[in-house]
C-alpha atoms as a PDB file:
ATOM      1  CA  MET A   1      60.091 -61.678  27.824  1.00  0.00           C
ATOM      2  CA  LEU A   2      62.932 -60.234  25.801  1.00  0.00           C
ATOM      3  CA  LEU A   3      66.183 -61.195  27.490  1.00  0.00           C
ATOM      4  CA  LEU A   4      69.002 -58.729  26.885  1.00  0.00           C
ATOM      5  CA  ASN A   5      72.079 -57.719  28.838  1.00  0.00           C
ATOM      6  CA  THR A   6      75.136 -55.589  28.256  1.00  0.00           C
ATOM      7  CA  CYS A   7      77.299 -58.504  27.080  1.00  0.00           C
ATOM      8  CA  HIS A   8      75.139 -60.465  24.652  1.00  0.00           C
ATOM      9  CA  VAL A   9      71.673 -61.031  23.293  1.00  0.00           C
ATOM     10  CA  SER A  10      70.382 -64.352  24.537  1.00  0.00           C
ATOM     11  CA  LYS A  11      67.598 -66.504  23.188  1.00  0.00           C
ATOM     12  CA  MET A  12      64.684 -64.337  21.999  1.00  0.00           C
ATOM     13  CA  GLU A  13      61.043 -65.067  22.593  1.00  0.00           C
ATOM     14  CA  ASN A  14      57.791 -64.502  20.756  1.00  0.00           C
ATOM     15  CA  THR A  15      54.201 -64.153  21.987  1.00  0.00           C
ATOM     16  CA  SER A  16      51.320 -66.567  22.092  1.00  0.00           C
ATOM     17  CA  LYS A  17      47.703 -65.575  21.340  1.00  0.00           C
ATOM     18  CA  ASN A  18      47.033 -64.748  24.979  1.00  0.00           C
ATOM     19  CA  GLY A  19      49.869 -62.239  25.039  1.00  0.00           C
ATOM     20  CA  LYS A  20      52.274 -64.345  27.142  1.00  0.00           C
ATOM     21  CA  LEU A  21      55.831 -64.614  25.881  1.00  0.00           C
ATOM     22  CA  ILE A  22      57.043 -68.025  24.791  1.00  0.00           C
ATOM     23  CA  SER A  23      60.198 -69.279  23.079  1.00  0.00           C
ATOM     24  CA  ASN A  24      59.765 -69.289  19.315  1.00  0.00           C
ATOM     25  CA  ASN A  25      62.179 -68.527  16.505  1.00  0.00           C
ATOM     26  CA  GLY A  26      64.565 -66.270  18.456  1.00  0.00           C
ATOM     27  CA  ASN A  27      66.950 -65.863  15.530  1.00  0.00           C
ATOM     28  CA  LYS A  28      64.241 -64.310  13.351  1.00  0.00           C
ATOM     29  CA  LEU A  29      63.282 -61.809  16.061  1.00  0.00           C
ATOM     30  CA  LEU A  30      66.916 -60.854  16.566  1.00  0.00           C
ATOM     31  CA  HIS A  31      67.282 -60.357  12.823  1.00  0.00           C
ATOM     32  CA  ASP A  32      64.157 -58.187  12.596  1.00  0.00           C
ATOM     33  CA  LEU A  33      64.943 -56.018  15.643  1.00  0.00           C
ATOM     34  CA  VAL A  34      66.155 -52.550  14.611  1.00  0.00           C
ATOM     35  CA  TRP A  35      68.283 -50.678  17.158  1.00  0.00           C
ATOM     36  CA  ASP A  36      66.921 -47.290  16.082  1.00  0.00           C
ATOM     37  CA  ASP A  37      63.445 -48.541  17.013  1.00  0.00           C
ATOM     38  CA  THR A  38      64.684 -49.341  20.505  1.00  0.00           C
ATOM     39  CA  LYS A  39      66.054 -45.801  20.803  1.00  0.00           C
ATOM     40  CA  ALA A  40      62.648 -44.502  19.733  1.00  0.00           C
ATOM     41  CA  PHE A  41      60.988 -46.645  22.421  1.00  0.00           C
ATOM     42  CA  LEU A  42      63.329 -45.278  25.096  1.00  0.00           C
ATOM     43  CA  ALA A  43      62.818 -41.663  24.025  1.00  0.00           C
ATOM     44  CA  VAL A  44      59.019 -41.944  24.154  1.00  0.00           C
ATOM     45  CA  ALA A  45      59.153 -43.819  27.472  1.00  0.00           C
ATOM     46  CA  ARG A  46      61.340 -41.085  28.990  1.00  0.00           C
ATOM     47  CA  THR A  47      59.473 -38.052  27.652  1.00  0.00           C
ATOM     48  CA  GLY A  48      55.906 -39.341  27.535  1.00  0.00           C
ATOM     49  CA  THR A  49      55.012 -37.663  24.235  1.00  0.00           C
ATOM     50  CA  LEU A  50      55.883 -38.159  20.577  1.00  0.00           C
ATOM     51  CA  SER A  51      56.693 -34.485  20.048  1.00  0.00           C
ATOM     52  CA  ALA A  52      59.193 -34.294  22.943  1.00  0.00           C
ATOM     53  CA  ALA A  53      60.775 -37.611  21.971  1.00  0.00           C
ATOM     54  CA  ALA A  54      61.071 -36.562  18.326  1.00  0.00           C
ATOM     55  CA  GLN A  55      62.768 -33.321  19.366  1.00  0.00           C
ATOM     56  CA  ARG A  56      65.218 -35.272  21.551  1.00  0.00           C
ATOM     57  CA  LEU A  57      66.105 -37.593  18.647  1.00  0.00           C
ATOM     58  CA  SER A  58      66.047 -34.803  16.018  1.00  0.00           C
ATOM     59  CA  ILE A  59      63.591 -36.682  13.798  1.00  0.00           C
ATOM     60  CA  GLY A  60      60.019 -36.081  12.656  1.00  0.00           C
ATOM     61  CA  VAL A  61      57.012 -37.117  14.716  1.00  0.00           C
ATOM     62  CA  ALA A  62      55.696 -39.321  11.887  1.00  0.00           C
ATOM     63  CA  THR A  63      59.047 -41.088  11.568  1.00  0.00           C
ATOM     64  CA  LEU A  64      59.194 -41.646  15.306  1.00  0.00           C
ATOM     65  CA  SER A  65      55.654 -43.032  15.348  1.00  0.00           C
ATOM     66  CA  ARG A  66      56.550 -45.515  12.586  1.00  0.00           C
ATOM     67  CA  LYS A  67      59.565 -46.702  14.560  1.00  0.00           C
ATOM     68  CA  VAL A  68      57.474 -47.345  17.681  1.00  0.00           C
ATOM     69  CA  ASP A  69      54.785 -49.129  15.647  1.00  0.00           C
ATOM     70  CA  ARG A  70      57.417 -51.267  13.908  1.00  0.00           C
ATOM     71  CA  LEU A  71      58.989 -52.282  17.212  1.00  0.00           C
ATOM     72  CA  GLU A  72      55.610 -53.297  18.602  1.00  0.00           C
ATOM     73  CA  GLU A  73      54.942 -55.317  15.444  1.00  0.00           C
ATOM     74  CA  THR A  74      58.364 -56.991  15.657  1.00  0.00           C
ATOM     75  CA  LEU A  75      57.925 -57.913  19.319  1.00  0.00           C
ATOM     76  CA  LYS A  76      54.224 -58.731  18.872  1.00  0.00           C
ATOM     77  CA  ILE A  77      53.314 -56.836  22.058  1.00  0.00           C
ATOM     78  CA  PRO A  78      51.852 -53.367  22.770  1.00  0.00           C
ATOM     79  CA  LEU A  79      54.461 -51.148  24.440  1.00  0.00           C
ATOM     80  CA  PHE A  80      52.351 -48.040  25.042  1.00  0.00           C
ATOM     81  CA  VAL A  81      48.807 -47.011  25.791  1.00  0.00           C
ATOM     82  CA  ARG A  82      48.030 -43.986  23.603  1.00  0.00           C
ATOM     83  CA  HIS A  83      46.240 -41.094  25.308  1.00  0.00           C
ATOM     84  CA  GLN A  84      45.506 -37.583  24.059  1.00  0.00           C
ATOM     85  CA  SER A  85      47.827 -36.293  26.755  1.00  0.00           C
ATOM     86  CA  GLY A  86      50.687 -38.619  25.819  1.00  0.00           C
ATOM     87  CA  TYR A  87      52.055 -42.159  25.783  1.00  0.00           C
ATOM     88  CA  GLN A  88      52.004 -44.395  28.870  1.00  0.00           C
ATOM     89  CA  LEU A  89      53.962 -47.643  29.121  1.00  0.00           C
ATOM     90  CA  THR A  90      51.995 -50.871  29.220  1.00  0.00           C
ATOM     91  CA  GLU A  91      52.972 -53.591  31.685  1.00  0.00           C
ATOM     92  CA  ASP A  92      54.983 -55.299  28.931  1.00  0.00           C
ATOM     93  CA  GLY A  93      56.581 -51.955  28.087  1.00  0.00           C
ATOM     94  CA  ARG A  94      57.636 -51.424  31.699  1.00  0.00           C
ATOM     95  CA  ASP A  95      59.077 -54.946  31.785  1.00  0.00           C
ATOM     96  CA  LEU A  96      61.186 -54.215  28.693  1.00  0.00           C
ATOM     97  CA  LEU A  97      62.379 -50.752  29.767  1.00  0.00           C
ATOM     98  CA  ALA A  98      65.334 -51.933  31.885  1.00  0.00           C
ATOM     99  CA  LYS A  99      66.394 -54.373  29.147  1.00  0.00           C
ATOM    100  CA  ALA A 100      66.280 -51.635  26.539  1.00  0.00           C
ATOM    101  CA  GLU A 101      68.389 -49.382  28.783  1.00  0.00           C
ATOM    102  CA  ALA A 102      70.924 -52.200  29.197  1.00  0.00           C
ATOM    103  CA  LEU A 103      71.052 -52.541  25.414  1.00  0.00           C
ATOM    104  CA  GLU A 104      71.560 -48.765  25.151  1.00  0.00           C
ATOM    105  CA  ALA A 105      74.456 -48.908  27.618  1.00  0.00           C
ATOM    106  CA  ALA A 106      76.039 -51.793  25.716  1.00  0.00           C
ATOM    107  CA  ALA A 107      75.733 -49.912  22.427  1.00  0.00           C
ATOM    108  CA  SER A 108      77.255 -46.791  23.971  1.00  0.00           C
ATOM    109  CA  ALA A 109      80.152 -48.753  25.435  1.00  0.00           C
ATOM    110  CA  PHE A 110      80.723 -50.428  22.067  1.00  0.00           C
ATOM    111  CA  ALA A 111      80.724 -47.057  20.308  1.00  0.00           C
ATOM    112  CA  SER A 112      83.135 -45.617  22.877  1.00  0.00           C
ATOM    113  CA  GLU A 113      85.599 -48.434  22.348  1.00  0.00           C
ATOM    114  CA  ALA A 114      85.241 -48.123  18.586  1.00  0.00           C
ATOM    115  CA  THR A 115      86.032 -44.394  18.595  1.00  0.00           C
ATOM    116  CA  ALA A 116      89.146 -45.104  20.633  1.00  0.00           C
ATOM    117  CA  GLN A 117      90.566 -46.859  17.572  1.00  0.00           C
ATOM    118  CA  ALA A 118      90.686 -43.507  15.792  1.00  0.00           C
ATOM    119  CA  GLY A 119      91.661 -41.348  18.748  1.00  0.00           C
ATOM    120  CA  ILE A 120      89.671 -39.346  21.260  1.00  0.00           C
ATOM    121  CA  SER A 121      86.583 -38.035  19.511  1.00  0.00           C
ATOM    122  CA  GLY A 122      82.826 -37.889  19.771  1.00  0.00           C
ATOM    123  CA  LYS A 123      80.311 -36.128  21.988  1.00  0.00           C
ATOM    124  CA  LEU A 124      80.185 -35.952  25.788  1.00  0.00           C
ATOM    125  CA  ARG A 125      77.407 -34.534  27.967  1.00  0.00           C
ATOM    126  CA  LEU A 126      78.479 -33.039  31.289  1.00  0.00           C
ATOM    127  CA  ALA A 127      75.930 -32.069  33.936  1.00  0.00           C
ATOM    128  CA  THR A 128      77.123 -29.521  36.470  1.00  0.00           C
ATOM    129  CA  ALA A 129      76.030 -26.504  38.490  1.00  0.00           C
ATOM    130  CA  GLU A 130      75.834 -23.303  36.478  1.00  0.00           C
ATOM    131  CA  ASN A 131      78.263 -21.442  38.757  1.00  0.00           C
ATOM    132  CA  LEU A 132      80.947 -24.123  38.273  1.00  0.00           C
ATOM    133  CA  ALA A 133      80.332 -24.234  34.528  1.00  0.00           C
ATOM    134  CA  THR A 134      80.476 -20.462  34.084  1.00  0.00           C
ATOM    135  CA  HIS A 135      83.293 -19.537  36.443  1.00  0.00           C
ATOM    136  CA  LEU A 136      85.521 -22.635  36.467  1.00  0.00           C
ATOM    137  CA  ILE A 137      84.984 -25.221  33.723  1.00  0.00           C
ATOM    138  CA  LEU A 138      84.268 -23.139  30.616  1.00  0.00           C
ATOM    139  CA  PRO A 139      87.234 -20.770  31.123  1.00  0.00           C
ATOM    140  CA  ALA A 140      89.545 -23.821  31.288  1.00  0.00           C
ATOM    141  CA  LEU A 141      87.929 -25.734  28.408  1.00  0.00           C
ATOM    142  CA  PRO A 142      90.011 -24.231  25.557  1.00  0.00           C
ATOM    143  CA  GLU A 143      93.061 -26.129  26.833  1.00  0.00           C
ATOM    144  CA  LEU A 144      91.200 -29.445  26.583  1.00  0.00           C
ATOM    145  CA  ARG A 145      89.796 -28.589  23.157  1.00  0.00           C
ATOM    146  CA  THR A 146      93.267 -27.732  21.911  1.00  0.00           C
ATOM    147  CA  SER A 147      94.494 -31.199  22.903  1.00  0.00           C
ATOM    148  CA  TYR A 148      91.375 -33.011  21.673  1.00  0.00           C
ATOM    149  CA  PRO A 149      89.762 -30.955  18.880  1.00  0.00           C
ATOM    150  CA  ASP A 150      87.470 -33.845  17.871  1.00  0.00           C
ATOM    151  CA  LEU A 151      85.988 -34.105  21.365  1.00  0.00           C
ATOM    152  CA  HIS A 152      82.680 -32.210  21.464  1.00  0.00           C
ATOM    153  CA  ILE A 153      81.235 -31.291  24.855  1.00  0.00           C
ATOM    154  CA  GLU A 154      77.667 -30.430  25.801  1.00  0.00           C
ATOM    155  CA  ILE A 155      77.298 -28.728  29.200  1.00  0.00           C
ATOM    156  CA  LEU A 156      73.965 -29.195  30.979  1.00  0.00           C
ATOM    157  CA  THR A 157      73.353 -26.814  33.877  1.00  0.00           C
ATOM    158  CA  ASP A 158      69.725 -27.682  34.640  1.00  0.00           C
ATOM    159  CA  VAL A 159      70.997 -30.431  36.948  1.00  0.00           C
ATOM    160  CA  SER A 160      67.682 -30.914  38.737  1.00  0.00           C
ATOM    161  CA  SER A 161      66.261 -32.575  35.631  1.00  0.00           C
ATOM    162  CA  VAL A 162      69.349 -34.494  34.554  1.00  0.00           C
ATOM    163  CA  ASN A 163      69.596 -38.199  35.384  1.00  0.00           C
ATOM    164  CA  LEU A 164      72.677 -40.287  34.620  1.00  0.00           C
ATOM    165  CA  HIS A 165      70.647 -43.504  34.762  1.00  0.00           C
ATOM    166  CA  ARG A 166      68.385 -42.229  31.967  1.00  0.00           C
ATOM    167  CA  ARG A 167      71.585 -41.298  30.115  1.00  0.00           C
ATOM    168  CA  ASP A 168      70.598 -37.617  30.011  1.00  0.00           C
ATOM    169  CA  ALA A 169      74.307 -36.995  30.666  1.00  0.00           C
ATOM    170  CA  ASP A 170      77.474 -39.081  30.534  1.00  0.00           C
ATOM    171  CA  LEU A 171      79.111 -37.686  33.662  1.00  0.00           C
ATOM    172  CA  ALA A 172      78.339 -35.071  36.274  1.00  0.00           C
ATOM    173  CA  ILE A 173      79.819 -32.825  38.921  1.00  0.00           C
ATOM    174  CA  ARG A 174      77.446 -33.200  41.880  1.00  0.00           C
ATOM    175  CA  MET A 175      77.189 -31.509  45.271  1.00  0.00           C
ATOM    176  CA  VAL A 176      75.159 -34.387  46.698  1.00  0.00           C
ATOM    177  CA  LYS A 177      76.615 -37.895  46.990  1.00  0.00           C
ATOM    178  CA  PRO A 178      74.592 -40.471  45.013  1.00  0.00           C
ATOM    179  CA  GLU A 179      73.359 -43.190  47.359  1.00  0.00           C
ATOM    180  CA  SER A 180      72.248 -45.706  44.740  1.00  0.00           C
ATOM    181  CA  GLY A 181      72.601 -46.672  41.115  1.00  0.00           C
ATOM    182  CA  ASN A 182      75.260 -48.116  38.847  1.00  0.00           C
ATOM    183  CA  VAL A 183      77.643 -45.167  39.096  1.00  0.00           C
ATOM    184  CA  THR A 184      81.309 -44.569  39.797  1.00  0.00           C
ATOM    185  CA  LEU A 185      82.128 -41.564  41.944  1.00  0.00           C
ATOM    186  CA  ARG A 186      85.125 -39.705  43.297  1.00  0.00           C
ATOM    187  CA  ARG A 187      85.191 -36.934  45.890  1.00  0.00           C
ATOM    188  CA  LEU A 188      87.270 -34.075  44.537  1.00  0.00           C
ATOM    189  CA  GLY A 189      87.012 -31.350  47.155  1.00  0.00           C
ATOM    190  CA  THR A 190      84.701 -28.963  48.970  1.00  0.00           C
ATOM    191  CA  LEU A 191      82.610 -26.036  47.822  1.00  0.00           C
ATOM    192  CA  GLY A 192      82.793 -23.626  50.737  1.00  0.00           C
ATOM    193  CA  PHE A 193      80.106 -21.075  51.593  1.00  0.00           C
ATOM    194  CA  GLY A 194      80.204 -17.935  53.703  1.00  0.00           C
ATOM    195  CA  LEU A 195      78.081 -14.907  54.557  1.00  0.00           C
ATOM    196  CA  TYR A 196      78.821 -11.928  52.277  1.00  0.00           C
ATOM    197  CA  ALA A 197      77.746  -8.347  51.650  1.00  0.00           C
ATOM    198  CA  SER A 198      78.840  -5.306  49.674  1.00  0.00           C
ATOM    199  CA  LYS A 199      81.183  -2.692  51.145  1.00  0.00           C
ATOM    200  CA  GLU A 200      78.324  -0.180  51.077  1.00  0.00           C
ATOM    201  CA  TYR A 201      76.027  -2.468  53.036  1.00  0.00           C
ATOM    202  CA  MET A 202      78.795  -3.154  55.581  1.00  0.00           C
ATOM    203  CA  LEU A 203      78.997   0.600  56.270  1.00  0.00           C
ATOM    204  CA  LYS A 204      75.229   0.694  56.897  1.00  0.00           C
ATOM    205  CA  ARG A 205      75.518  -2.263  59.263  1.00  0.00           C
ATOM    206  CA  GLN A 206      77.540  -0.137  61.652  1.00  0.00           C
ATOM    207  CA  GLU A 207      74.386   1.877  62.306  1.00  0.00           C
ATOM    208  CA  LEU A 208      72.370  -1.180  63.383  1.00  0.00           C
ATOM    209  CA  ALA A 209      71.424  -1.474  67.034  1.00  0.00           C
ATOM    210  CA  ASN A 210      73.047  -4.883  67.287  1.00  0.00           C
ATOM    211  CA  PRO A 211      75.510  -5.402  64.404  1.00  0.00           C
ATOM    212  CA  GLU A 212      77.024  -8.426  66.191  1.00  0.00           C
ATOM    213  CA  SER A 213      73.926 -10.472  65.303  1.00  0.00           C
ATOM    214  CA  TYR A 214      71.831 -10.700  62.140  1.00  0.00           C
ATOM    215  CA  GLU A 215      68.430 -10.041  63.690  1.00  0.00           C
ATOM    216  CA  ASP A 216      68.180  -6.529  62.191  1.00  0.00           C
ATOM    217  CA  ASP A 217      69.885  -7.256  58.879  1.00  0.00           C
ATOM    218  CA  HIS A 218      68.387  -7.309  55.419  1.00  0.00           C
ATOM    219  CA  CYS A 219      69.027 -10.719  53.828  1.00  0.00           C
ATOM    220  CA  ILE A 220      68.921 -12.259  50.363  1.00  0.00           C
ATOM    221  CA  SER A 221      67.622 -15.809  50.191  1.00  0.00           C
ATOM    222  CA  TRP A 222      66.135 -18.466  47.917  1.00  0.00           C
ATOM    223  CA  SER A 223      62.655 -18.622  46.423  1.00  0.00           C
ATOM    224  CA  GLU A 224      60.116 -21.074  47.811  1.00  0.00           C
ATOM    225  CA  ALA A 225      61.047 -23.842  45.359  1.00  0.00           C
ATOM    226  CA  GLN A 226      64.601 -23.834  46.759  1.00  0.00           C
ATOM    227  CA  ALA A 227      63.654 -23.275  50.406  1.00  0.00           C
ATOM    228  CA  HIS A 228      65.029 -26.723  51.289  1.00  0.00           C
ATOM    229  CA  LEU A 229      68.611 -25.673  50.482  1.00  0.00           C
ATOM    230  CA  ALA A 230      71.030 -25.411  53.391  1.00  0.00           C
ATOM    231  CA  ALA A 231      71.785 -21.760  52.559  1.00  0.00           C
ATOM    232  CA  ALA A 232      68.073 -20.881  52.652  1.00  0.00           C
ATOM    233  CA  GLN A 233      67.667 -22.691  55.965  1.00  0.00           C
ATOM    234  CA  TRP A 234      70.627 -20.790  57.433  1.00  0.00           C
ATOM    235  CA  ILE A 235      69.087 -17.435  56.437  1.00  0.00           C
ATOM    236  CA  ARG A 236      65.722 -18.472  57.894  1.00  0.00           C
ATOM    237  CA  ARG A 237      67.328 -19.291  61.246  1.00  0.00           C
ATOM    238  CA  ALA A 238      69.327 -16.048  61.248  1.00  0.00           C
ATOM    239  CA  LEU A 239      66.255 -13.904  60.624  1.00  0.00           C
ATOM    240  CA  LYS A 240      64.263 -15.577  63.429  1.00  0.00           C
ATOM    241  CA  GLY A 241      60.910 -15.235  61.765  1.00  0.00           C
ATOM    242  CA  ARG A 242      61.465 -12.061  59.735  1.00  0.00           C
ATOM    243  CA  GLN A 243      61.120 -12.169  55.962  1.00  0.00           C
ATOM    244  CA  PRO A 244      64.175 -11.812  53.654  1.00  0.00           C
ATOM    245  CA  ALA A 245      64.460  -8.543  51.778  1.00  0.00           C
ATOM    246  CA  VAL A 246      64.924 -10.305  48.407  1.00  0.00           C
ATOM    247  CA  LEU A 247      64.258 -13.838  47.146  1.00  0.00           C
ATOM    248  CA  THR A 248      65.850 -15.213  43.965  1.00  0.00           C
ATOM    249  CA  SER A 249      66.142 -18.576  42.234  1.00  0.00           C
ATOM    250  CA  SER A 250      69.843 -18.599  41.278  1.00  0.00           C
ATOM    251  CA  LEU A 251      73.247 -17.889  42.746  1.00  0.00           C
ATOM    252  CA  ALA A 252      74.025 -15.468  39.925  1.00  0.00           C
ATOM    253  CA  THR A 253      71.118 -13.216  40.875  1.00  0.00           C
ATOM    254  CA  GLN A 254      72.002 -13.433  44.560  1.00  0.00           C
ATOM    255  CA  VAL A 255      75.535 -12.241  43.792  1.00  0.00           C
ATOM    256  CA  VAL A 256      74.110  -9.276  41.862  1.00  0.00           C
ATOM    257  CA  ALA A 257      71.677  -8.513  44.683  1.00  0.00           C
ATOM    258  CA  ALA A 258      74.482  -8.558  47.238  1.00  0.00           C
ATOM    259  CA  LYS A 259      76.660  -6.291  45.046  1.00  0.00           C
ATOM    260  CA  ALA A 260      73.736  -3.868  44.813  1.00  0.00           C
ATOM    261  CA  GLY A 261      73.763  -3.561  48.614  1.00  0.00           C
ATOM    262  CA  LEU A 262      70.416  -5.272  49.180  1.00  0.00           C
ATOM    263  CA  GLY A 263      71.661  -7.286  52.131  1.00  0.00           C
ATOM    264  CA  LEU A 264      73.574 -10.312  53.351  1.00  0.00           C
ATOM    265  CA  ALA A 265      73.767 -13.455  51.217  1.00  0.00           C
ATOM    266  CA  VAL A 266      75.111 -16.974  51.712  1.00  0.00           C
ATOM    267  CA  LEU A 267      77.409 -17.488  48.721  1.00  0.00           C
ATOM    268  CA  PRO A 268      80.242 -19.755  47.578  1.00  0.00           C
ATOM    269  CA  HIS A 269      83.524 -18.154  48.589  1.00  0.00           C
ATOM    270  CA  PHE A 270      84.947 -18.129  45.067  1.00  0.00           C
ATOM    271  CA  LEU A 271      81.914 -16.376  43.558  1.00  0.00           C
ATOM    272  CA  ALA A 272      81.836 -13.752  46.313  1.00  0.00           C
ATOM    273  CA  ALA A 273      85.549 -13.092  45.908  1.00  0.00           C
ATOM    274  CA  GLU A 274      85.192 -12.536  42.154  1.00  0.00           C
ATOM    275  CA  ALA A 275      82.365 -10.077  42.835  1.00  0.00           C
ATOM    276  CA  GLY A 276      84.456  -8.087  45.336  1.00  0.00           C
ATOM    277  CA  LEU A 277      82.119  -8.776  48.258  1.00  0.00           C
ATOM    278  CA  VAL A 278      83.113  -8.601  51.914  1.00  0.00           C
ATOM    279  CA  CYS A 279      83.161 -11.778  53.995  1.00  0.00           C
ATOM    280  CA  VAL A 280      81.054 -11.255  57.111  1.00  0.00           C
ATOM    281  CA  GLU A 281      81.377 -14.825  58.407  1.00  0.00           C
ATOM    282  CA  ALA A 282      83.510 -17.495  56.767  1.00  0.00           C
ATOM    283  CA  ASN A 283      82.374 -20.742  58.407  1.00  0.00           C
ATOM    284  CA  ILE A 284      78.618 -21.088  58.608  1.00  0.00           C
ATOM    285  CA  GLY A 285      78.292 -24.859  58.281  1.00  0.00           C
ATOM    286  CA  VAL A 286      76.703 -25.218  54.844  1.00  0.00           C
ATOM    287  CA  ASP A 287      79.725 -26.348  52.814  1.00  0.00           C
ATOM    288  CA  GLN A 288      79.113 -28.982  50.134  1.00  0.00           C
ATOM    289  CA  GLN A 289      81.287 -31.854  48.935  1.00  0.00           C
ATOM    290  CA  ILE A 290      82.134 -31.977  45.231  1.00  0.00           C
ATOM    291  CA  TYR A 291      81.769 -35.376  43.535  1.00  0.00           C
ATOM    292  CA  LEU A 292      82.690 -36.527  40.049  1.00  0.00           C
ATOM    293  CA  VAL A 293      80.044 -39.070  39.020  1.00  0.00           C
ATOM    294  CA  MET A 294      79.814 -41.206  35.901  1.00  0.00           C
ATOM    295  CA  HIS A 295      77.889 -44.247  34.761  1.00  0.00           C
ATOM    296  CA  SER A 296      79.930 -47.346  35.622  1.00  0.00           C
ATOM    297  CA  ASP A 297      79.389 -48.886  32.187  1.00  0.00           C
ATOM    298  CA  LEU A 298      81.208 -45.919  30.617  1.00  0.00           C
ATOM    299  CA  ALA A 299      83.947 -45.440  33.207  1.00  0.00           C
ATOM    300  CA  HIS A 300      86.634 -47.028  31.015  1.00  0.00           C
ATOM    301  CA  SER A 301      85.710 -45.242  27.810  1.00  0.00           C
ATOM    302  CA  PRO A 302      88.794 -43.328  26.563  1.00  0.00           C
ATOM    303  CA  ARG A 303      86.939 -40.071  25.990  1.00  0.00           C
ATOM    304  CA  MET A 304      85.225 -40.396  29.369  1.00  0.00           C
ATOM    305  CA  ARG A 305      88.599 -40.883  31.044  1.00  0.00           C
ATOM    306  CA  VAL A 306      90.002 -37.812  29.281  1.00  0.00           C
ATOM    307  CA  MET A 307      87.092 -35.643  30.444  1.00  0.00           C
ATOM    308  CA  ALA A 308      87.074 -37.125  33.954  1.00  0.00           C
ATOM    309  CA  ASP A 309      90.812 -36.528  34.349  1.00  0.00           C
ATOM    310  CA  PHE A 310      90.444 -32.951  33.079  1.00  0.00           C
ATOM    311  CA  LEU A 311      87.676 -32.188  35.585  1.00  0.00           C
ATOM    312  CA  ALA A 312      89.466 -33.857  38.479  1.00  0.00           C
ATOM    313  CA  GLU A 313      92.706 -31.982  37.835  1.00  0.00           C
ATOM    314  CA  LEU A 314      90.847 -28.692  37.401  1.00  0.00           C
ATOM    315  CA  ILE A 315      88.955 -28.953  40.680  1.00  0.00           C
ATOM    316  CA  ILE A 316      91.931 -30.259  42.645  1.00  0.00           C
ATOM    317  CA  LYS A 317      94.074 -27.393  41.319  1.00  0.00           C
ATOM    318  CA  ASN A 318      91.399 -24.941  42.504  1.00  0.00           C
ATOM    319  CA  ARG A 319      90.672 -26.598  45.860  1.00  0.00           C
ATOM    320  CA  ALA A 320      91.829 -23.664  47.951  1.00  0.00           C
ATOM    321  CA  ARG A 321      89.852 -21.175  45.852  1.00  0.00           C
ATOM    322  CA  LEU A 322      86.699 -23.319  46.016  1.00  0.00           C
ATOM    323  CA  SER A 323      86.829 -24.302  49.673  1.00  0.00           C
ATOM    324  CA  GLY A 324      87.564 -21.108  51.572  1.00  0.00           C
ATOM    325  CA  PRO A 325      87.767 -17.304  51.441  1.00  0.00           C
ATOM    326  CA  LEU A 326      90.843 -15.709  49.932  1.00  0.00           C
ATOM    327  CA  GLN A 327      93.368 -14.769  52.583  1.00  0.00           C
END
């Protein structure tokens, strides 16, 4: 088995005729191993197809295929089973996956330290909710870019598919506390939610038989794929078996639906305030904690610290706006 960790490359091993790994000429294997081939292996393992992996690495499919073949030849073991539908890791490939990821983390940490010699520069990938990116982070980003013009930031808002352990992103703003993994986290504040409606809809509510409850209200809720969300569950309980008037799959569309007078919606206070909506009920018990999360191996990288400090200061400065309705 190939023994690698984030600090050093230990004695390498070769294979015998029966496929079992045995010690043999580790220095030659270390010399022949090409890091780009390991990146190709990781990309194919994570995406499952050559085309998706090639797109992720911005190289051609033929070039990627050669890299995978060369790595298998160097290690003298098959890493993938080739199917028409894609590439599946062999048992040896699965055994090497964690070691390759450790090598990736070590290379990234090395690169981060190296860039620190020439100042804060390079690329960072931040995963966050679209509403925070659009309404909070991006408007404040020019200040950071002015101070660090060589720092390039990629914002990923499809957080459901982003995994820090796979290194899809370098750091993240999460609304759910990670319970496992090699991550460093810090709680920054609370994202508060309330029940909101347009001024026009509030006038119509006065004509309801029982405006003190929500049994006769029209409501805006989440589509079936997001039915597990606390906001969707709150609407379901409020309607007591009746169907919502409108279902959507994003907060942005729910804000628009509420502004159009289609009904009540559970929204973050700061988004509802920007849209000019009326707060019907401020404390409905679905608030979320805001966590800054980063991979522990990168926590001391200078550019990571700069970005982490920027995000922490930004959210802390806006705690009152994020947590509760404007007074």
